[in-house]
Protein backbone atom coordinates (compact mmCIF):
# COMPACT_ATOMS: atom_id res chain seq x y z
CA MET A 1 -35.85 72.86 33.83
CA GLY A 2 -36.63 72.90 30.13
CA LYS A 3 -40.18 71.61 28.60
CA ILE A 4 -40.74 69.92 25.53
CA SER A 5 -43.85 71.29 23.57
CA PRO A 6 -46.51 68.62 23.38
CA VAL A 7 -46.62 69.58 19.58
CA SER A 8 -42.91 68.77 19.16
CA ALA A 9 -42.96 65.32 20.93
CA LYS A 10 -42.99 62.25 18.82
CA TYR A 11 -43.67 59.47 21.73
CA ILE A 12 -45.67 59.18 24.92
CA VAL A 13 -44.28 56.71 27.41
CA GLN A 14 -47.01 55.37 29.08
CA ALA A 15 -46.46 53.55 32.73
CA LYS A 16 -48.65 52.36 35.51
CA ILE A 17 -46.97 52.19 39.30
CA HIS A 18 -48.03 50.11 42.32
CA ILE A 19 -46.64 51.38 45.76
CA GLU A 20 -47.23 49.55 49.00
CA GLY A 21 -47.65 52.17 50.97
CA ALA A 22 -49.07 55.92 51.12
CA VAL A 23 -46.72 58.21 49.10
CA GLU A 24 -46.90 61.58 47.70
CA ARG A 25 -46.51 62.89 43.78
CA PRO A 26 -42.75 64.57 44.84
CA ASP A 27 -41.99 61.22 46.01
CA VAL A 28 -42.23 59.45 43.25
CA ILE A 29 -40.70 62.10 40.89
CA GLY A 30 -37.77 62.17 42.91
CA ALA A 31 -37.14 58.33 42.98
CA ILE A 32 -37.45 58.65 38.84
CA PHE A 33 -34.56 61.06 38.74
CA GLY A 34 -32.82 59.42 41.96
CA GLN A 35 -32.62 55.80 40.90
CA THR A 36 -32.12 56.06 37.07
CA GLU A 37 -29.34 58.45 37.99
CA GLY A 38 -26.10 56.93 36.26
CA LEU A 39 -27.86 54.27 35.19
CA LEU A 40 -27.82 54.96 31.52
CA GLY A 41 -24.72 57.47 31.14
CA SER A 42 -24.36 61.06 30.54
CA ASP A 43 -25.63 60.79 26.97
CA LEU A 44 -29.33 59.62 28.49
CA GLU A 45 -29.57 61.43 32.10
CA LEU A 46 -32.99 62.48 32.52
CA ARG A 47 -32.02 65.88 33.94
CA GLU A 48 -29.98 66.61 30.92
CA LEU A 49 -32.54 65.37 28.52
CA GLN A 50 -35.39 67.40 30.04
CA LYS A 51 -32.65 70.49 30.00
CA SER A 52 -32.60 69.84 26.37
CA GLY A 53 -35.83 69.30 25.73
CA ARG A 54 -35.80 65.98 24.54
CA ILE A 55 -37.83 64.80 27.40
CA GLY A 56 -41.02 66.57 28.49
CA ARG A 57 -42.58 67.01 31.94
CA ILE A 58 -42.94 63.96 33.75
CA GLU A 59 -46.73 63.63 34.71
CA VAL A 60 -47.55 61.74 37.59
CA LYS A 61 -50.85 60.95 38.88
CA ILE A 62 -51.78 58.69 42.15
CA ASP A 63 -54.24 57.67 44.11
CA SER A 64 -53.77 56.31 47.66
CA LYS A 65 -56.30 53.63 49.32
CA LYS A 66 -56.05 51.47 52.47
CA GLY A 67 -52.50 52.23 52.68
CA LYS A 68 -51.42 51.19 48.93
CA THR A 69 -50.83 53.87 46.16
CA ASP A 70 -51.70 53.05 42.41
CA GLY A 71 -51.36 55.49 39.59
CA THR A 72 -49.53 56.36 36.06
CA ILE A 73 -46.64 58.00 34.78
CA THR A 74 -46.52 59.90 31.48
CA ILE A 75 -43.55 60.77 29.74
CA PRO A 76 -43.44 62.85 26.30
CA SER A 77 -39.88 62.06 24.23
CA SER A 78 -38.73 63.87 21.02
CA MET A 79 -35.92 61.51 21.16
CA ASP A 80 -35.88 58.41 18.42
CA MET A 81 -37.61 55.17 18.73
CA THR A 82 -34.70 53.48 20.18
CA GLU A 83 -33.39 55.88 22.86
CA THR A 84 -37.17 56.74 24.27
CA ALA A 85 -37.55 52.50 24.52
CA ILE A 86 -34.39 52.22 26.70
CA VAL A 87 -35.28 55.51 28.82
CA ALA A 88 -39.16 53.83 29.18
CA SER A 89 -37.24 50.42 30.37
CA SER A 90 -35.21 52.19 32.80
CA LEU A 91 -38.31 53.06 34.84
CA GLU A 92 -39.01 49.36 35.31
CA THR A 93 -35.87 49.15 37.55
CA ILE A 94 -37.22 51.41 40.35
CA GLU A 95 -38.12 48.98 43.05
CA ARG A 96 -38.60 51.57 46.25
CA ILE A 97 -40.19 55.05 46.79
CA GLY A 98 -39.60 56.22 49.97
CA PRO A 99 -39.43 53.55 52.45
CA CYS A 100 -42.19 51.48 50.35
CA ASP A 101 -41.48 48.89 47.92
CA ALA A 102 -42.91 49.51 44.50
CA LYS A 103 -43.36 47.94 41.13
CA ILE A 104 -43.44 50.34 37.78
CA ASN A 105 -44.59 48.92 34.68
CA VAL A 106 -44.38 50.45 30.93
CA GLU A 107 -47.70 49.42 29.32
CA LYS A 108 -46.84 51.23 25.99
CA ILE A 109 -44.88 53.72 24.02
CA GLU A 110 -47.56 55.41 22.01
CA ASP A 111 -46.53 56.88 18.37
CA VAL A 112 -47.89 60.60 18.52
CA ARG A 113 -48.06 60.93 14.72
CA THR A 114 -50.12 57.46 14.56
CA LEU A 115 -52.34 59.32 16.76
CA LYS A 116 -52.61 62.53 15.04
CA ARG A 117 -53.15 60.72 12.01
CA LYS A 118 -56.36 58.65 13.34
CA TYR A 119 -57.45 61.53 14.44
CA VAL A 120 -57.19 63.26 10.94
CA VAL A 121 -58.97 59.96 9.48
CA ASP A 122 -61.55 60.13 11.87
CA ARG A 123 -62.27 64.07 11.77
CA ALA A 124 -61.86 63.53 7.91
CA LYS A 125 -64.94 61.32 8.04
CA SER A 126 -67.25 63.17 10.44
CA LEU A 127 -66.71 66.52 7.98
CA LEU A 128 -67.46 64.23 4.80
CA LYS A 129 -70.63 62.88 6.32
CA GLY A 130 -71.50 66.32 7.21
CA MET A 131 -70.95 67.06 3.77
CA ILE A 132 -73.21 64.37 2.23
CA ASP A 133 -75.92 64.95 4.87
CA LYS A 134 -76.25 68.25 3.30
CA GLY A 135 -77.31 67.34 0.12
CA PRO A 136 -76.00 67.38 -3.27
CA GLU A 137 -74.65 71.01 -3.36
CA SER A 138 -71.13 69.79 -2.14
CA SER A 139 -70.68 67.61 -4.78
CA GLU A 140 -72.13 69.88 -7.37
CA LEU A 141 -69.78 72.74 -6.29
CA MET A 142 -66.90 69.96 -6.58
CA ASP A 143 -68.03 69.00 -10.35
CA GLU A 144 -68.28 72.74 -11.06
CA ILE A 145 -64.65 73.31 -10.25
CA ASN A 146 -63.49 70.36 -12.03
CA LYS A 147 -65.12 70.98 -14.99
CA THR A 148 -64.27 74.33 -14.90
CA VAL A 149 -60.13 73.39 -14.40
CA ARG A 150 -60.55 70.81 -17.60
CA THR A 151 -62.48 73.33 -19.96
CA LEU A 152 -59.01 75.56 -19.30
CA GLU A 153 -57.18 72.21 -20.68
CA ILE A 154 -58.43 73.15 -24.05
CA THR A 155 -55.63 73.44 -26.98
CA GLU A 156 -55.51 74.52 -30.41
CA TYR A 157 -53.93 71.64 -33.21
CA GLY A 158 -52.63 72.48 -36.61
CA LYS A 159 -52.39 75.21 -38.78
CA GLU A 160 -56.49 75.48 -38.62
CA LYS A 161 -55.74 75.77 -34.62
CA LEU A 162 -59.13 73.05 -34.58
CA PRO A 163 -60.08 72.77 -30.52
CA ALA A 164 -58.85 69.89 -28.62
CA GLY A 165 -57.97 67.88 -25.50
CA PRO A 166 -54.18 68.04 -24.25
CA ALA A 167 -53.89 64.22 -25.00
CA ILE A 168 -54.55 64.56 -28.47
CA HIS A 169 -50.87 63.96 -29.41
CA ASP A 170 -50.19 61.48 -26.86
CA SER A 171 -52.88 58.99 -27.06
CA GLU A 172 -53.25 56.26 -29.47
CA ASP A 173 -57.18 56.63 -29.52
CA ILE A 174 -58.51 59.78 -30.56
CA ILE A 175 -62.44 60.95 -30.43
CA ILE A 176 -63.72 63.45 -33.53
CA VAL A 177 -66.24 65.52 -32.70
CA GLU A 178 -68.06 68.43 -34.88
CA GLY A 179 -67.38 71.86 -32.88
CA ARG A 180 -65.66 73.58 -30.22
CA ALA A 181 -69.03 73.23 -27.78
CA ASP A 182 -68.70 69.41 -28.20
CA VAL A 183 -64.78 69.49 -27.41
CA ILE A 184 -65.67 71.71 -23.97
CA ASN A 185 -68.34 69.36 -22.87
CA LEU A 186 -66.03 66.36 -23.07
CA LEU A 187 -63.09 68.03 -21.87
CA LYS A 188 -65.61 68.82 -18.60
CA ASN A 189 -66.63 65.24 -18.68
CA GLY A 190 -62.94 63.98 -18.58
CA PHE A 191 -62.07 62.95 -21.67
CA LYS A 192 -58.72 64.56 -23.31
CA ASN A 193 -58.11 62.70 -26.30
CA ILE A 194 -60.51 64.99 -28.45
CA ILE A 195 -60.68 67.13 -31.35
CA GLY A 196 -63.30 69.38 -33.24
CA LEU A 197 -63.83 69.78 -36.75
CA ASN A 198 -64.99 73.38 -36.66
CA GLY A 199 -67.76 72.82 -38.92
CA THR A 200 -68.95 70.23 -41.38
CA SER A 201 -66.08 69.85 -43.68
CA VAL A 202 -63.06 67.69 -42.63
CA PRO A 203 -59.55 69.67 -41.94
CA ASN A 204 -56.40 67.88 -43.86
CA ALA A 205 -54.90 67.86 -40.11
CA VAL A 206 -57.86 65.83 -39.00
CA ALA A 207 -57.86 63.39 -41.79
CA GLU A 208 -53.92 63.11 -41.12
CA LEU A 209 -54.42 62.11 -37.95
CA SER A 210 -57.00 59.95 -38.04
CA LYS A 211 -54.59 57.67 -40.06
CA THR A 212 -52.21 57.07 -37.37
CA LYS A 213 -54.88 56.82 -34.54
CA THR A 214 -57.68 54.45 -33.61
CA THR A 215 -60.32 56.83 -34.47
CA THR A 216 -63.76 57.16 -33.19
CA VAL A 217 -66.07 59.78 -34.60
CA PHE A 218 -68.59 60.94 -32.11
CA ILE A 219 -71.54 62.80 -34.14
CA ASP A 220 -74.57 64.47 -33.38
CA GLY A 221 -78.15 62.43 -33.56
CA ASP A 222 -78.83 64.06 -36.65
CA ARG A 223 -78.51 63.72 -40.72
CA GLY A 224 -75.46 66.44 -40.50
CA GLY A 225 -73.76 63.77 -38.51
CA ASN A 226 -73.94 60.91 -40.95
CA LEU A 227 -72.58 63.66 -43.94
CA ILE A 228 -69.41 64.24 -41.44
CA VAL A 229 -68.88 60.42 -41.12
CA LYS A 230 -69.21 59.98 -45.00
CA GLU A 231 -66.81 62.78 -45.85
CA LEU A 232 -63.96 61.80 -43.24
CA SER A 233 -64.09 57.87 -44.42
CA GLN A 234 -63.47 59.25 -47.63
CA VAL A 235 -60.39 61.46 -47.01
CA GLY A 236 -59.33 59.91 -43.49
CA ASP A 237 -59.61 56.62 -41.58
CA VAL A 238 -62.64 55.77 -39.33
CA ASP A 239 -62.25 52.94 -36.83
CA PHE A 240 -65.71 53.49 -34.90
CA VAL A 241 -68.71 55.64 -34.78
CA SER A 242 -71.02 57.08 -31.87
CA LYS A 243 -74.17 58.48 -32.36
CA ALA A 244 -75.78 60.87 -29.99
CA PRO A 245 -79.56 60.05 -29.26
CA ASP A 246 -81.64 61.07 -32.03
CA GLY A 247 -82.34 65.14 -31.83
CA LYS A 248 -79.60 65.26 -29.39
CA GLU A 249 -76.32 67.23 -29.93
CA VAL A 250 -73.17 65.84 -28.18
CA GLU A 251 -72.71 69.42 -26.51
CA GLU A 252 -75.98 68.71 -24.64
CA LEU A 253 -74.98 65.17 -23.20
CA ALA A 254 -74.46 64.60 -19.73
CA LYS A 255 -71.15 62.49 -18.26
CA LYS A 256 -73.71 59.27 -18.26
CA GLU A 257 -75.06 59.85 -21.67
CA ILE A 258 -71.69 60.40 -23.23
CA HIS A 259 -69.95 57.03 -21.64
CA LYS A 260 -73.61 55.30 -22.65
CA CYS A 261 -73.01 56.30 -26.24
CA LEU A 262 -69.39 55.59 -26.56
CA ARG A 263 -69.72 52.05 -24.90
CA ALA A 264 -72.30 51.61 -27.64
CA LYS A 265 -69.66 52.38 -30.82
CA ILE A 266 -69.81 50.52 -33.63
CA PRO A 267 -67.32 49.95 -36.61
CA LEU A 268 -67.54 51.66 -39.70
CA ASP A 269 -68.79 49.28 -41.83
CA GLN A 270 -71.61 48.41 -39.33
CA PHE A 271 -72.62 51.97 -39.39
CA LYS A 272 -72.68 51.94 -43.02
CA GLU A 273 -74.66 48.98 -43.15
CA GLU A 274 -77.50 50.37 -40.61
CA LEU A 275 -77.18 53.84 -42.50
CA GLN A 276 -78.24 51.94 -45.94
CA SER A 277 -80.85 49.76 -44.58
CA SER A 278 -82.57 53.01 -42.77
CA ASN A 279 -82.53 54.53 -45.83
CA ASN A 280 -84.14 52.08 -47.84
CA LYS A 281 -86.89 51.59 -45.28
CA PRO A 282 -90.22 52.25 -46.87
CA GLN A 283 -92.74 54.53 -45.51
CA LYS A 284 -95.43 51.98 -45.07
CA TYR A 285 -93.29 49.88 -43.02
CA GLU A 286 -93.41 52.78 -40.48
CA LYS A 287 -96.90 52.91 -40.33
CA LYS A 288 -97.55 49.16 -40.04
CA GLN A 289 -95.24 49.41 -37.17
CA ASP A 290 -96.93 51.83 -35.61
CA LYS A 291 -100.72 49.93 -36.01
CA SER A 292 -98.88 46.58 -34.63
CA LYS A 293 -97.94 48.80 -31.48
CA ASP A 294 -100.82 47.12 -29.25
CA TYR A 295 -99.86 44.08 -30.48
CA ASN A 296 -96.15 44.02 -29.55
CA GLN A 297 -96.99 45.29 -25.93
CA LYS A 298 -99.24 42.10 -25.41
CA ASN A 299 -96.85 39.62 -26.84
CA THR A 300 -93.60 39.34 -25.41
CA LYS A 301 -92.09 37.10 -27.37
CA HIS A 302 -92.57 38.98 -30.59
CA LYS A 303 -91.28 41.84 -28.55
CA LYS A 304 -88.24 40.32 -28.05
CA THR A 305 -87.99 39.11 -31.54
CA VAL A 306 -88.52 42.61 -32.57
CA LYS A 307 -85.85 44.26 -30.11
CA LYS A 308 -82.18 42.74 -30.78
CA GLU A 309 -80.11 44.32 -28.23
CA ARG A 310 -76.33 45.15 -29.04
CA VAL A 311 -73.70 45.61 -27.24
CA HIS A 312 -69.71 46.23 -27.49
CA PRO A 313 -67.62 43.02 -27.68
CA GLU A 314 -65.35 44.06 -25.07
CA TYR A 315 -67.98 44.88 -22.77
CA ALA A 316 -70.07 41.43 -23.75
CA LYS A 317 -66.87 39.33 -22.43
CA GLN A 318 -66.75 41.25 -19.48
CA PHE A 319 -70.60 40.78 -18.67
CA LYS A 320 -70.75 37.15 -19.45
CA GLU A 321 -67.62 36.33 -17.29
CA MET A 322 -69.61 38.32 -14.25
CA LEU A 323 -72.69 36.13 -15.11
CA ASP A 324 -70.56 33.00 -14.82
CA GLU A 325 -69.02 34.03 -11.61
CA LEU A 326 -72.62 34.95 -10.15
CA THR A 327 -74.25 31.48 -11.15
CA GLY A 328 -75.95 30.28 -8.15
CA THR A 329 -75.21 33.26 -5.83
CA ARG A 330 -78.29 35.10 -6.32
CA GLY A 331 -76.24 38.03 -6.17
CA ALA A 332 -75.34 41.25 -8.39
CA TYR A 333 -72.22 42.79 -9.49
CA LEU A 334 -72.63 46.80 -9.27
CA LEU A 335 -70.28 48.78 -11.85
CA ASP A 336 -69.74 52.19 -12.66
CA ALA A 337 -69.53 54.41 -16.33
CA ASP A 338 -66.37 52.72 -16.79
CA MET A 339 -67.00 49.24 -15.86
CA ASN A 340 -65.28 48.90 -12.58
CA ILE A 341 -66.93 46.74 -10.43
CA LEU A 342 -68.33 48.79 -7.46
CA GLY A 343 -68.93 46.06 -5.30
CA LYS A 344 -71.30 42.94 -4.89
CA VAL A 345 -74.87 42.35 -3.31
CA PRO A 346 -77.63 40.24 -2.66
CA LYS A 347 -80.45 40.67 -5.32
CA LYS A 348 -82.76 41.40 -2.73
CA GLU A 349 -80.65 44.67 -1.38
CA LEU A 350 -80.53 46.31 -5.02
CA TYR A 351 -83.23 48.79 -4.29
CA ASN A 352 -81.75 50.12 -1.15
CA THR A 353 -77.98 49.85 -2.48
CA LEU A 354 -78.62 51.87 -5.81
CA ARG A 355 -80.55 54.47 -3.50
CA SER A 356 -76.97 55.07 -2.23
CA LEU A 357 -74.81 54.47 -5.34
CA PRO A 358 -76.08 57.20 -7.71
CA GLU A 359 -72.65 56.67 -9.85
CA VAL A 360 -73.74 52.76 -10.75
CA ASP A 361 -74.69 52.66 -14.37
CA ALA A 362 -74.53 49.00 -15.00
CA VAL A 363 -75.89 45.73 -13.01
CA VAL A 364 -74.97 42.00 -13.51
CA VAL A 365 -77.36 39.85 -11.74
CA ASP A 366 -77.67 36.10 -11.02
CA GLY A 367 -80.70 34.49 -12.80
CA GLU A 368 -84.00 36.03 -14.20
CA ILE A 369 -84.58 39.74 -14.88
CA ASP A 370 -87.85 40.04 -13.97
CA LYS A 371 -90.33 43.32 -14.06
CA ASN A 372 -89.22 44.07 -10.35
CA ILE A 373 -85.81 44.39 -11.33
CA VAL A 374 -86.35 46.18 -14.17
CA ARG A 375 -88.34 49.09 -12.51
CA ILE A 376 -85.52 49.29 -9.81
CA ALA A 377 -83.09 49.85 -12.58
CA GLU A 378 -85.23 52.69 -14.33
CA ASN A 379 -85.83 54.44 -11.03
CA SER A 380 -82.19 54.38 -10.47
CA ASN A 381 -80.98 55.73 -14.22
CA ILE A 382 -79.24 52.23 -14.79
CA SER A 383 -77.59 52.23 -18.44
CA TYR A 384 -77.34 48.41 -18.54
CA LEU A 385 -78.75 45.53 -17.13
CA ILE A 386 -77.84 42.06 -17.77
CA GLY A 387 -78.83 38.68 -16.61
CA GLY A 388 -79.04 34.96 -17.41
CA LYS A 389 -82.68 35.43 -18.86
CA VAL A 390 -84.95 38.23 -19.78
CA SER A 391 -88.83 38.18 -19.09
CA GLU A 392 -89.28 42.22 -19.35
CA THR A 393 -87.67 44.60 -21.40
CA SER A 394 -87.60 48.58 -21.06
CA ARG A 395 -87.18 51.55 -23.19
CA LYS A 396 -85.12 53.09 -20.76
CA VAL A 397 -82.50 50.78 -19.90
CA LYS A 398 -80.58 48.01 -22.16
CA VAL A 399 -81.41 45.11 -20.62
CA LEU A 400 -79.30 41.79 -21.98
CA SER A 401 -79.61 38.19 -21.71
CA ALA A 402 -76.95 35.81 -21.62
CA GLU A 403 -77.79 34.88 -25.67
CA ASN A 404 -77.36 38.66 -26.24
CA LEU A 405 -73.36 38.20 -25.33
CA ASN A 406 -72.66 35.40 -27.38
């Protein structure tokens, strides 16, 4: 008789058998074929189904004790669900095996594909755990591959063949940077709506493009970047300005720093006001601030007055809604660099949770931000820390209270 390969089986019929007497395995198999013969018609005859390979080898396991026999019957099937169920039901019509009364009960019909999917999921979890246990090398390798692929996506824009990302034509928002190295760095970190100036002068193509798109100029943290903003605002249309930290260039920034800078972008008018204020600041004022350093460290109230934190209105609204939701819960929301909520945890579990979730970029907590929470945030390289009240500030983390969000 033909056999069905376990690989091609779609369903497995699992049945239990109880016999009031001692019998052998061939007796059971003979009863299955004999007593179901002609019951379901020629299309579902067990012998014919086996010959055609639609029913596999019938496995019978029995054990006789004290004059009674119990066991299991397993039948693999490559037929469809309905046909398999009909054949399985026919087994329960068998009432005698040899001279003994018998009862067969079909317990279940397993979908082999479901079992395989479960195996795949369990095995994937095991493999993933092994990768994580080995340390950061695996994720670093994936990041390197992704960055290489993204770098290959660099395109050329306009007659000047300016370096740009693949989404520069389709996106309604664009990011203008200074050079090709800046474009490559942003591409590596997932930004595709970017274009480079290829120098300090503004090409006509970029000036015209800025008039049809919502434009953010992302400049280096030096005086040259300020000049680029000034020129582009004269020949084009600039909506927002984002600046790298002082002394750093956009091409040097890591992913977290890029997100932090772009989230802190400000309107062009505000940038001009801050630049003008900085240019008009007298030198003696800088010295005076240095002399009062010790006083500022001792006087928390004075320190808060001097340091006025700013946050983009879009994120301020989101943070405020989260604070309202958390009121009285003694919990904390964890957010990634794109401000997506990763989860909610009790405040007392913040330390352990942040150690296991390096992708957390912002934390919104119920109640007061004290010294312990600030220390935890600094050790975890958090960018934003938001709470109802603030009793401790930080140079590494942007600490915001409810008042800062109004």
